[in-house]
């Protein structure tokens, strides 16, 4: 009787393994695609931020904060300088 139980357990675990693989394979493919999408987004954001930072620094500004896909920059106002565009 114990050998029969082991044989049934082996068949059952083989069946469980196959069903787990059928479920896990599409999930891992989806995760891989999500990772590729995240990697492409990271590359695009790095390119965008790199260009924006260069522009801001070239114009005399300082980048002070990043938040997701946004950044905040400030420019110093020299003492006595007129503030154009501000009311």
PDB file of N, CA and C in Angstrom:
ATOM      1  N   UNK A   1       0.814  -1.217   0.000  1.00  0.00           N
ATOM      2  CA  UNK A   1       0.000   0.000   0.000  1.00  0.00           C
ATOM      3  C   UNK A   1       0.846   1.265   0.000  1.00  0.00           C
ATOM      4  N   UNK A   2       1.926   1.371   0.778  1.00  0.00           N
ATOM      5  CA  UNK A   2       2.720   2.588   0.737  1.00  0.00           C
ATOM      6  C   UNK A   2       3.277   2.880  -0.649  1.00  0.00           C
ATOM      7  N   UNK A   3       3.687   1.849  -1.420  1.00  0.00           N
ATOM      8  CA  UNK A   3       4.230   2.103  -2.746  1.00  0.00           C
ATOM      9  C   UNK A   3       3.148   2.675  -3.665  1.00  0.00           C
ATOM     10  N   UNK A   4       1.904   2.238  -3.487  1.00  0.00           N
ATOM     11  CA  UNK A   4       0.794   2.778  -4.278  1.00  0.00           C
ATOM     12  C   UNK A   4       0.595   4.258  -3.933  1.00  0.00           C
ATOM     13  N   UNK A   5       0.668   4.616  -2.655  1.00  0.00           N
ATOM     14  CA  UNK A   5       0.516   6.006  -2.237  1.00  0.00           C
ATOM     15  C   UNK A   5       1.627   6.867  -2.833  1.00  0.00           C
ATOM     16  N   UNK A   6       2.860   6.340  -2.843  1.00  0.00           N
ATOM     17  CA  UNK A   6       3.966   7.091  -3.421  1.00  0.00           C
ATOM     18  C   UNK A   6       3.774   7.280  -4.918  1.00  0.00           C
ATOM     19  N   UNK A   7       3.289   6.267  -5.599  1.00  0.00           N
ATOM     20  CA  UNK A   7       3.065   6.370  -7.033  1.00  0.00           C
ATOM     21  C   UNK A   7       1.975   7.394  -7.322  1.00  0.00           C
ATOM     22  N   UNK A   8       0.907   7.383  -6.522  1.00  0.00           N
ATOM     23  CA  UNK A   8      -0.160   8.368  -6.710  1.00  0.00           C
ATOM     24  C   UNK A   8       0.361   9.774  -6.412  1.00  0.00           C
ATOM     25  N   UNK A   9       1.171   9.913  -5.383  1.00  0.00           N
ATOM     26  CA  UNK A   9       1.726  11.219  -5.034  1.00  0.00           C
ATOM     27  C   UNK A   9       2.641  11.716  -6.150  1.00  0.00           C
ATOM     28  N   UNK A  10       3.414  10.825  -6.735  1.00  0.00           N
ATOM     29  CA  UNK A  10       4.309  11.213  -7.829  1.00  0.00           C
ATOM     30  C   UNK A  10       3.497  11.685  -9.025  1.00  0.00           C
ATOM     31  N   UNK A  11       2.438  10.957  -9.376  1.00  0.00           N
ATOM     32  CA  UNK A  11       1.590  11.375 -10.506  1.00  0.00           C
ATOM     33  C   UNK A  11       0.901  12.692 -10.184  1.00  0.00           C
ATOM     34  N   UNK A  12       0.448  12.839  -8.960  1.00  0.00           N
ATOM     35  CA  UNK A  12      -0.231  14.063  -8.554  1.00  0.00           C
ATOM     36  C   UNK A  12       0.725  15.247  -8.589  1.00  0.00           C
ATOM     37  N   UNK A  13       1.954  15.067  -8.074  1.00  0.00           N
ATOM     38  CA  UNK A  13       2.899  16.177  -8.066  1.00  0.00           C
ATOM     39  C   UNK A  13       3.320  16.524  -9.489  1.00  0.00           C
ATOM     40  N   UNK A  14       3.417  15.526 -10.364  1.00  0.00           N
ATOM     41  CA  UNK A  14       3.745  15.791 -11.761  1.00  0.00           C
ATOM     42  C   UNK A  14       2.632  16.609 -12.404  1.00  0.00           C
ATOM     43  N   UNK A  15       1.404  16.266 -12.111  1.00  0.00           N
ATOM     44  CA  UNK A  15       0.259  16.998 -12.645  1.00  0.00           C
ATOM     45  C   UNK A  15       0.232  18.420 -12.086  1.00  0.00           C
ATOM     46  N   UNK A  16       0.508  18.559 -10.780  1.00  0.00           N
ATOM     47  CA  UNK A  16       0.553  19.889 -10.165  1.00  0.00           C
ATOM     48  C   UNK A  16       1.650  20.739 -10.793  1.00  0.00           C
ATOM     49  N   UNK A  17       2.811  20.109 -11.043  1.00  0.00           N
ATOM     50  CA  UNK A  17       3.923  20.843 -11.643  1.00  0.00           C
ATOM     51  C   UNK A  17       3.547  21.336 -13.035  1.00  0.00           C
ATOM     52  N   UNK A  18       2.894  20.476 -13.818  1.00  0.00           N
ATOM     53  CA  UNK A  18       2.494  20.882 -15.168  1.00  0.00           C
ATOM     54  C   UNK A  18       1.464  22.000 -15.124  1.00  0.00           C
ATOM     55  N   UNK A  19       0.506  21.917 -14.204  1.00  0.00           N
ATOM     56  CA  UNK A  19      -0.497  22.972 -14.132  1.00  0.00           C
ATOM     57  C   UNK A  19       0.119  24.268 -13.615  1.00  0.00           C
ATOM     58  N   UNK A  20       1.074  24.164 -12.682  1.00  0.00           N
ATOM     59  CA  UNK A  20       1.760  25.360 -12.215  1.00  0.00           C
ATOM     60  C   UNK A  20       2.533  26.018 -13.355  1.00  0.00           C
ATOM     61  N   UNK A  21       3.155  25.188 -14.185  1.00  0.00           N
ATOM     62  CA  UNK A  21       3.907  25.714 -15.323  1.00  0.00           C
ATOM     63  C   UNK A  21       2.980  26.393 -16.310  1.00  0.00           C
ATOM     64  N   UNK A  22       1.815  25.824 -16.549  1.00  0.00           N
ATOM     65  CA  UNK A  22       0.858  26.423 -17.485  1.00  0.00           C
ATOM     66  C   UNK A  22       0.381  27.785 -16.986  1.00  0.00           C
ATOM     67  N   UNK A  23       0.273  27.933 -15.683  1.00  0.00           N
ATOM     68  CA  UNK A  23      -0.151  29.211 -15.112  1.00  0.00           C
ATOM     69  C   UNK A  23       1.023  30.180 -15.023  1.00  0.00           C
ATOM     70  N   UNK A  24       2.174  29.695 -14.594  1.00  0.00           N
ATOM     71  CA  UNK A  24       3.319  30.567 -14.355  1.00  0.00           C
ATOM     72  C   UNK A  24       3.954  31.091 -15.633  1.00  0.00           C
ATOM     73  N   UNK A  25       3.935  30.297 -16.690  1.00  0.00           N
ATOM     74  CA  UNK A  25       4.615  30.723 -17.921  1.00  0.00           C
ATOM     75  C   UNK A  25       4.043  32.013 -18.491  1.00  0.00           C
ATOM     76  N   UNK A  26       2.706  32.133 -18.654  1.00  0.00           N
ATOM     77  CA  UNK A  26       2.188  33.413 -19.147  1.00  0.00           C
ATOM     78  C   UNK A  26       2.456  34.563 -18.182  1.00  0.00           C
ATOM     79  N   UNK A  27       2.431  34.278 -16.890  1.00  0.00           N
ATOM     80  CA  UNK A  27       2.723  35.324 -15.914  1.00  0.00           C
ATOM     81  C   UNK A  27       4.155  35.809 -16.054  1.00  0.00           C
ATOM     82  N   UNK A  28       5.096  34.883 -16.194  1.00  0.00           N
ATOM     83  CA  UNK A  28       6.488  35.295 -16.321  1.00  0.00           C
ATOM     84  C   UNK A  28       6.718  36.030 -17.632  1.00  0.00           C
ATOM     85  N   UNK A  29       6.002  35.636 -18.688  1.00  0.00           N
ATOM     86  CA  UNK A  29       6.102  36.354 -19.960  1.00  0.00           C
ATOM     87  C   UNK A  29       5.564  37.760 -19.794  1.00  0.00           C
ATOM     88  N   UNK A  30       4.448  37.905 -19.083  1.00  0.00           N
ATOM     89  CA  UNK A  30       3.884  39.222 -18.826  1.00  0.00           C
ATOM     90  C   UNK A  30       4.822  40.079 -17.989  1.00  0.00           C
ATOM     91  N   UNK A  31       5.453  39.470 -16.997  1.00  0.00           N
ATOM     92  CA  UNK A  31       6.402  40.201 -16.161  1.00  0.00           C
ATOM     93  C   UNK A  31       7.593  40.641 -16.996  1.00  0.00           C
ATOM     94  N   UNK A  32       8.066  39.763 -17.878  1.00  0.00           N
ATOM     95  CA  UNK A  32       9.190  40.103 -18.740  1.00  0.00           C
ATOM     96  C   UNK A  32       8.824  41.273 -19.654  1.00  0.00           C
ATOM     97  N   UNK A  33       7.614  41.251 -20.218  1.00  0.00           N
ATOM     98  CA  UNK A  33       7.174  42.359 -21.073  1.00  0.00           C
ATOM     99  C   UNK A  33       7.046  43.643 -20.258  1.00  0.00           C
ATOM    100  N   UNK A  34       6.549  43.538 -19.037  1.00  0.00           N
ATOM    101  CA  UNK A  34       6.429  44.714 -18.170  1.00  0.00           C
ATOM    102  C   UNK A  34       7.817  45.262 -17.850  1.00  0.00           C
ATOM    103  N   UNK A  35       8.769  44.365 -17.606  1.00  0.00           N
ATOM    104  CA  UNK A  35      10.140  44.803 -17.328  1.00  0.00           C
ATOM    105  C   UNK A  35      10.717  45.524 -18.540  1.00  0.00           C
ATOM    106  N   UNK A  36      10.473  44.983 -19.733  1.00  0.00           N
ATOM    107  CA  UNK A  36      10.973  45.624 -20.956  1.00  0.00           C
ATOM    108  C   UNK A  36      10.334  46.996 -21.135  1.00  0.00           C
ATOM    109  N   UNK A  37       9.043  47.103 -20.846  1.00  0.00           N
ATOM    110  CA  UNK A  37       8.357  48.394 -20.936  1.00  0.00           C
ATOM    111  C   UNK A  37       8.913  49.389 -19.939  1.00  0.00           C
ATOM    112  N   UNK A  38       9.169  48.924 -18.727  1.00  0.00           N
ATOM    113  CA  UNK A  38       9.740  49.799 -17.697  1.00  0.00           C
ATOM    114  C   UNK A  38      11.145  50.239 -18.096  1.00  0.00           C
ATOM    115  N   UNK A  39      11.899  49.341 -18.687  1.00  0.00           N
ATOM    116  CA  UNK A  39      13.262  49.682 -19.120  1.00  0.00           C
ATOM    117  C   UNK A  39      13.218  50.730 -20.235  1.00  0.00           C
ATOM    118  N   UNK A  40      12.285  50.579 -21.182  1.00  0.00           N
ATOM    119  CA  UNK A  40      12.150  51.584 -22.256  1.00  0.00           C
ATOM    120  C   UNK A  40      11.743  52.933 -21.676  1.00  0.00           C
ATOM    121  N   UNK A  41      10.838  52.926 -20.704  1.00  0.00           N
ATOM    122  CA  UNK A  41      10.405  54.171 -20.081  1.00  0.00           C
ATOM    123  C   UNK A  41      11.573  54.833 -19.343  1.00  0.00           C
ATOM    124  N   UNK A  42      12.377  54.039 -18.645  1.00  0.00           N
ATOM    125  CA  UNK A  42      13.545  54.566 -17.951  1.00  0.00           C
ATOM    126  C   UNK A  42      14.500  55.225 -18.938  1.00  0.00           C
ATOM    127  N   UNK A  43      14.729  54.582 -20.071  1.00  0.00           N
ATOM    128  CA  UNK A  43      15.629  55.141 -21.082  1.00  0.00           C
ATOM    129  C   UNK A  43      15.090  56.464 -21.628  1.00  0.00           C
ATOM    130  N   UNK A  44      13.785  56.511 -21.893  1.00  0.00           N
ATOM    131  CA  UNK A  44      13.182  57.741 -22.417  1.00  0.00           C
ATOM    132  C   UNK A  44      13.238  58.872 -21.384  1.00  0.00           C
ATOM    133  N   UNK A  45      12.953  58.546 -20.120  1.00  0.00           N
ATOM    134  CA  UNK A  45      13.017  59.569 -19.078  1.00  0.00           C
ATOM    135  C   UNK A  45      14.446  60.067 -18.877  1.00  0.00           C
ATOM    136  N   UNK A  46      15.416  59.162 -18.935  1.00  0.00           N
ATOM    137  CA  UNK A  46      16.812  59.583 -18.808  1.00  0.00           C
ATOM    138  C   UNK A  46      17.192  60.523 -19.946  1.00  0.00           C
ATOM    139  N   UNK A  47      16.768  60.226 -21.150  1.00  0.00           N
ATOM    140  CA  UNK A  47      17.051  61.087 -22.293  1.00  0.00           C
ATOM    141  C   UNK A  47      16.378  62.447 -22.110  1.00  0.00           C
ATOM    142  N   UNK A  48      15.093  62.430 -21.730  1.00  0.00           N
ATOM    143  CA  UNK A  48      14.335  63.660 -21.510  1.00  0.00           C
ATOM    144  C   UNK A  48      14.977  64.513 -20.413  1.00  0.00           C
ATOM    145  N   UNK A  49      15.250  63.888 -19.263  1.00  0.00           N
ATOM    146  CA  UNK A  49      15.846  64.641 -18.151  1.00  0.00           C
ATOM    147  C   UNK A  49      17.229  65.168 -18.525  1.00  0.00           C
ATOM    148  N   UNK A  50      18.006  64.371 -19.228  1.00  0.00           N
ATOM    149  CA  UNK A  50      19.333  64.821 -19.640  1.00  0.00           C
ATOM    150  C   UNK A  50      19.259  66.076 -20.490  1.00  0.00           C
ATOM    151  N   UNK A  51      18.351  66.092 -21.458  1.00  0.00           N
ATOM    152  CA  UNK A  51      18.199  67.263 -22.324  1.00  0.00           C
ATOM    153  C   UNK A  51      17.657  68.465 -21.540  1.00  0.00           C
ATOM    154  N   UNK A  52      16.682  68.221 -20.674  1.00  0.00           N
ATOM    155  CA  UNK A  52      16.107  69.320 -19.895  1.00  0.00           C
ATOM    156  C   UNK A  52      17.135  69.906 -18.922  1.00  0.00           C
ATOM    157  N   UNK A  53      17.902  69.060 -18.271  1.00  0.00           N
ATOM    158  CA  UNK A  53      18.917  69.539 -17.327  1.00  0.00           C
ATOM    159  C   UNK A  53      19.955  70.382 -18.066  1.00  0.00           C
ATOM    160  N   UNK A  54      20.411  69.898 -19.225  1.00  0.00           N
ATOM    161  CA  UNK A  54      21.383  70.678 -20.008  1.00  0.00           C
ATOM    162  C   UNK A  54      20.817  72.046 -20.366  1.00  0.00           C
ATOM    163  N   UNK A  55      19.565  72.090 -20.811  1.00  0.00           N
ATOM    164  CA  UNK A  55      18.922  73.350 -21.182  1.00  0.00           C
ATOM    165  C   UNK A  55      18.831  74.289 -19.981  1.00  0.00           C
ATOM    166  N   UNK A  56      18.390  73.767 -18.853  1.00  0.00           N
ATOM    167  CA  UNK A  56      18.210  74.582 -17.646  1.00  0.00           C
ATOM    168  C   UNK A  56      19.549  75.131 -17.158  1.00  0.00           C
ATOM    169  N   UNK A  57      20.560  74.282 -17.089  1.00  0.00           N
ATOM    170  CA  UNK A  57      21.879  74.718 -16.619  1.00  0.00           C
ATOM    171  C   UNK A  57      22.473  75.738 -17.591  1.00  0.00           C
ATOM    172  N   UNK A  58      22.337  75.498 -18.897  1.00  0.00           N
ATOM    173  CA  UNK A  58      22.844  76.445 -19.891  1.00  0.00           C
ATOM    174  C   UNK A  58      22.158  77.809 -19.778  1.00  0.00           C
ATOM    175  N   UNK A  59      20.913  77.814 -19.315  1.00  0.00           N
ATOM    176  CA  UNK A  59      20.162  79.061 -19.162  1.00  0.00           C
ATOM    177  C   UNK A  59      20.362  79.677 -17.776  1.00  0.00           C
ATOM    178  N   UNK A  60      21.296  79.133 -16.985  1.00  0.00           N
ATOM    179  CA  UNK A  60      21.603  79.704 -15.683  1.00  0.00           C
ATOM    180  C   UNK A  60      20.744  79.214 -14.539  1.00  0.00           C
ATOM    181  N   UNK A  61      19.980  78.159 -14.755  1.00  0.00           N
ATOM    182  CA  UNK A  61      19.100  77.641 -13.711  1.00  0.00           C
ATOM    183  C   UNK A  61      19.698  76.482 -12.949  1.00  0.00           C
ATOM    184  N   UNK A  62      19.011  76.096 -11.909  1.00  0.00           N
ATOM    185  CA  UNK A  62      19.390  74.938 -11.090  1.00  0.00           C
ATOM    186  C   UNK A  62      18.196  74.005 -10.982  1.00  0.00           C
ATOM    187  N   UNK A  63      18.425  72.714 -11.188  1.00  0.00           N
ATOM    188  CA  UNK A  63      17.378  71.713 -10.964  1.00  0.00           C
ATOM    189  C   UNK A  63      17.380  71.388  -9.486  1.00  0.00           C
ATOM    190  N   UNK A  64      16.216  71.567  -8.841  1.00  0.00           N
ATOM    191  CA  UNK A  64      16.170  71.370  -7.394  1.00  0.00           C
ATOM    192  C   UNK A  64      15.363  70.149  -6.963  1.00  0.00           C
ATOM    193  N   UNK A  65      14.558  69.585  -7.874  1.00  0.00           N
ATOM    194  CA  UNK A  65      13.713  68.470  -7.435  1.00  0.00           C
ATOM    195  C   UNK A  65      13.250  67.652  -8.632  1.00  0.00           C
ATOM    196  N   UNK A  66      13.172  66.346  -8.427  1.00  0.00           N
ATOM    197  CA  UNK A  66      12.574  65.424  -9.389  1.00  0.00           C
ATOM    198  C   UNK A  66      11.376  64.774  -8.720  1.00  0.00           C
ATOM    199  N   UNK A  67      10.300  64.613  -9.469  1.00  0.00           N
ATOM    200  CA  UNK A  67       9.108  63.933  -8.944  1.00  0.00           C
ATOM    201  C   UNK A  67       8.468  63.166 -10.090  1.00  0.00           C
ATOM    202  N   UNK A  68       8.726  61.880 -10.142  1.00  0.00           N
ATOM    203  CA  UNK A  68       8.180  61.068 -11.225  1.00  0.00           C
ATOM    204  C   UNK A  68       8.755  61.495 -12.560  1.00  0.00           C
ATOM    205  N   UNK A  69       7.883  61.986 -13.455  1.00  0.00           N
ATOM    206  CA  UNK A  69       8.357  62.438 -14.765  1.00  0.00           C
ATOM    207  C   UNK A  69       8.442  63.960 -14.838  1.00  0.00           C
ATOM    208  N   UNK A  70       8.490  64.605 -13.694  1.00  0.00           N
ATOM    209  CA  UNK A  70       8.574  66.073 -13.645  1.00  0.00           C
ATOM    210  C   UNK A  70       9.844  66.491 -12.917  1.00  0.00           C
ATOM    211  N   UNK A  71      10.227  67.737 -13.151  1.00  0.00           N
ATOM    212  CA  UNK A  71      11.334  68.302 -12.400  1.00  0.00           C
ATOM    213  C   UNK A  71      11.018  69.752 -12.082  1.00  0.00           C
ATOM    214  N   UNK A  72      11.666  70.284 -11.048  1.00  0.00           N
ATOM    215  CA  UNK A  72      11.492  71.675 -10.672  1.00  0.00           C
ATOM    216  C   UNK A  72      12.849  72.351 -10.785  1.00  0.00           C
ATOM    217  N   UNK A  73      12.833  73.530 -11.422  1.00  0.00           N
ATOM    218  CA  UNK A  73      14.058  74.290 -11.593  1.00  0.00           C
ATOM    219  C   UNK A  73      13.839  75.711 -11.109  1.00  0.00           C
ATOM    220  N   UNK A  74      14.928  76.340 -10.665  1.00  0.00           N
ATOM    221  CA  UNK A  74      14.868  77.732 -10.218  1.00  0.00           C
ATOM    222  C   UNK A  74      15.994  78.506 -10.880  1.00  0.00           C
ATOM    223  N   UNK A  75      15.765  79.790 -11.023  1.00  0.00           N
ATOM    224  CA  UNK A  75      16.784  80.700 -11.520  1.00  0.00           C
ATOM    225  C   UNK A  75      16.977  81.780 -10.473  1.00  0.00           C
ATOM    226  N   UNK A  76      18.203  82.140 -10.236  1.00  0.00           N
ATOM    227  CA  UNK A  76      18.519  83.191  -9.267  1.00  0.00           C
ATOM    228  C   UNK A  76      18.220  84.551  -9.892  1.00  0.00           C
ATOM    229  N   UNK A  77      17.751  85.455  -9.079  1.00  0.00           N
ATOM    230  CA  UNK A  77      17.490  86.830  -9.505  1.00  0.00           C
ATOM    231  C   UNK A  77      18.528  87.710  -8.849  1.00  0.00           C
ATOM    232  N   UNK A  78      19.288  88.380  -9.671  1.00  0.00           N
ATOM    233  CA  UNK A  78      20.323  89.272  -9.140  1.00  0.00           C
ATOM    234  C   UNK A  78      19.664  90.442  -8.405  1.00  0.00           C
ATOM    235  N   UNK A  79      20.288  90.908  -7.370  1.00  0.00           N
ATOM    236  CA  UNK A  79      19.760  92.018  -6.580  1.00  0.00           C
ATOM    237  C   UNK A  79      19.568  93.237  -7.495  1.00  0.00           C
ATOM    238  N   UNK A  80      18.401  93.825  -7.423  1.00  0.00           N
ATOM    239  CA  UNK A  80      18.104  95.005  -8.213  1.00  0.00           C
ATOM    240  C   UNK A  80      17.632  94.704  -9.628  1.00  0.00           C
ATOM    241  N   UNK A  81      17.630  93.449 -10.031  1.00  0.00           N
ATOM    242  CA  UNK A  81      17.188  93.107 -11.381  1.00  0.00           C
ATOM    243  C   UNK A  81      15.677  93.148 -11.452  1.00  0.00           C
ATOM    244  N   UNK A  82      15.175  93.580 -12.599  1.00  0.00           N
ATOM    245  CA  UNK A  82      13.728  93.624 -12.800  1.00  0.00           C
ATOM    246  C   UNK A  82      13.199  92.212 -13.007  1.00  0.00           C
ATOM    247  N   UNK A  83      12.018  91.957 -12.480  1.00  0.00           N
ATOM    248  CA  UNK A  83      11.401  90.650 -12.660  1.00  0.00           C
ATOM    249  C   UNK A  83      10.446  90.752 -13.848  1.00  0.00           C
ATOM    250  N   UNK A  84      10.868  90.258 -14.993  1.00  0.00           N
ATOM    251  CA  UNK A  84      10.040  90.297 -16.190  1.00  0.00           C
ATOM    252  C   UNK A  84       9.018  89.165 -16.142  1.00  0.00           C
ATOM    253  N   UNK A  85       7.811  89.487 -16.474  1.00  0.00           N
ATOM    254  CA  UNK A  85       6.772  88.465 -16.516  1.00  0.00           C
ATOM    255  C   UNK A  85       6.162  88.155 -15.164  1.00  0.00           C
ATOM    256  N   UNK A  86       6.568  88.833 -14.126  1.00  0.00           N
ATOM    257  CA  UNK A  86       6.010  88.595 -12.793  1.00  0.00           C
ATOM    258  C   UNK A  86       5.231  89.857 -12.374  1.00  0.00           C
ATOM    259  N   UNK A  87       4.133  89.662 -11.704  1.00  0.00           N
ATOM    260  CA  UNK A  87       3.364  90.819 -11.258  1.00  0.00           C
ATOM    261  C   UNK A  87       3.315  90.863  -9.748  1.00  0.00           C
TER     262      UNK A  87
END
